[in-house]
Amino acid sequence: ADWIRARSLRNGVISTLVEKKKRAGTPFAGTTVFLKSLALLAVSPFRGAARLARTGSLATALYPIHVAVGRVLAEFGYANEQYRQPEKN
């Protein structure tokens, strides 16, 4: 389950980075992406609850929450390097 959480966070980070690159050069691009990330974080518990009701799987239900957290963390410089674990090198 740890790898699912790590991958979900990474998907959120990637989503933010792609959106920032896509909106580069437009007015208020950074603010727009940040506000979208916050909005997704706000609705993620509801999306998770809907998934839990539909699938009965807690791991599946937590996915949108982890992705949203990853998006917000990316705004503060978090960048999980999925296949690199310096503490194990």
Protein backbone atom coordinates (compact mmCIF):
# COMPACT_ATOMS: atom_id res chain seq x y z
CA ALA A 1 0.00 0.00 0.00
CA ASP A 2 2.99 2.31 0.50
CA TRP A 3 3.85 2.23 -3.17
CA ILE A 4 0.25 3.14 -4.07
CA ARG A 5 0.39 6.16 -1.76
CA ALA A 6 3.79 7.19 -3.12
CA ARG A 7 2.62 6.82 -6.71
CA SER A 8 -0.56 8.79 -5.99
CA LEU A 9 1.43 11.65 -4.49
CA ARG A 10 3.76 11.54 -7.49
CA ASN A 11 0.78 11.68 -9.87
CA GLY A 12 -0.38 14.83 -8.09
CA VAL A 13 3.06 16.40 -8.38
CA ILE A 14 3.25 15.53 -12.07
CA SER A 15 -0.23 16.94 -12.63
CA THR A 16 0.77 20.27 -11.10
CA LEU A 17 4.04 20.45 -13.05
CA VAL A 18 2.30 19.69 -16.35
CA GLU A 19 -0.41 22.25 -15.70
CA LYS A 20 2.13 24.93 -14.72
CA LYS A 21 4.05 24.30 -17.93
CA LYS A 22 0.84 24.39 -19.98
CA ARG A 23 -0.23 27.71 -18.45
CA ALA A 24 3.22 29.33 -18.51
CA GLY A 25 3.08 32.86 -19.85
CA THR A 26 -0.59 33.40 -19.10
CA PRO A 27 -1.69 35.97 -16.53
CA PHE A 28 -1.97 34.64 -12.97
CA ALA A 29 -0.84 31.17 -14.10
CA GLY A 30 0.74 30.25 -10.77
CA THR A 31 -2.21 31.53 -8.78
CA THR A 32 -4.69 29.70 -11.01
CA VAL A 33 -2.87 26.38 -10.65
CA PHE A 34 -2.54 26.83 -6.89
CA LEU A 35 -6.23 27.64 -6.47
CA LYS A 36 -7.18 24.64 -8.61
CA SER A 37 -4.97 22.43 -6.42
CA LEU A 38 -6.67 23.76 -3.29
CA ALA A 39 -10.11 23.21 -4.83
CA LEU A 40 -9.22 19.63 -5.71
CA LEU A 41 -7.96 19.11 -2.16
CA ALA A 42 -11.25 20.46 -0.80
CA VAL A 43 -13.41 18.10 -2.88
CA SER A 44 -11.13 15.06 -2.62
CA PRO A 45 -12.75 13.66 0.57
CA PHE A 46 -16.12 13.66 -1.22
CA ARG A 47 -14.62 12.00 -4.29
CA GLY A 48 -12.98 9.47 -1.98
CA ALA A 49 -16.25 8.77 -0.18
CA ALA A 50 -17.98 8.19 -3.52
CA ARG A 51 -15.23 5.76 -4.53
CA LEU A 52 -15.48 3.98 -1.19
CA ALA A 53 -19.23 3.56 -1.60
CA ARG A 54 -18.78 2.32 -5.17
CA THR A 55 -15.84 -0.06 -4.65
CA GLY A 56 -15.65 -0.78 -0.92
CA SER A 57 -11.86 -0.39 -1.15
CA LEU A 58 -10.15 2.05 1.20
CA ALA A 59 -7.01 2.16 -0.97
CA THR A 60 -9.10 3.16 -3.98
CA ALA A 61 -10.97 5.73 -1.90
CA LEU A 62 -7.76 7.37 -0.69
CA TYR A 63 -6.35 7.82 -4.20
CA PRO A 64 -7.99 11.20 -5.00
CA ILE A 65 -6.95 12.51 -1.58
CA HIS A 66 -3.32 11.50 -2.10
CA VAL A 67 -3.27 13.00 -5.60
CA ALA A 68 -4.69 16.29 -4.28
CA VAL A 69 -2.15 16.36 -1.45
CA GLY A 70 0.60 15.73 -4.01
CA ARG A 71 -0.65 18.68 -6.08
CA VAL A 72 -0.53 21.01 -3.08
CA LEU A 73 2.87 19.69 -1.94
CA ALA A 74 4.25 20.40 -5.42
CA GLU A 75 3.33 24.05 -4.92
CA PHE A 76 5.77 24.12 -2.01
CA GLY A 77 8.60 22.39 -3.84
CA TYR A 78 7.97 18.73 -3.01
CA ALA A 79 9.16 16.48 -5.81
CA ASN A 80 9.18 12.78 -4.97
CA GLU A 81 11.73 10.96 -7.09
CA GLN A 82 9.85 7.73 -7.49
CA TYR A 83 12.71 5.36 -8.26
CA ARG A 84 15.47 7.09 -6.32
CA GLN A 85 15.84 6.42 -2.63
CA PRO A 86 19.06 8.08 -1.42
CA GLU A 87 18.72 6.66 2.10
CA LYS A 88 19.05 3.15 0.62
CA ASN A 89 22.13 3.98 -1.51
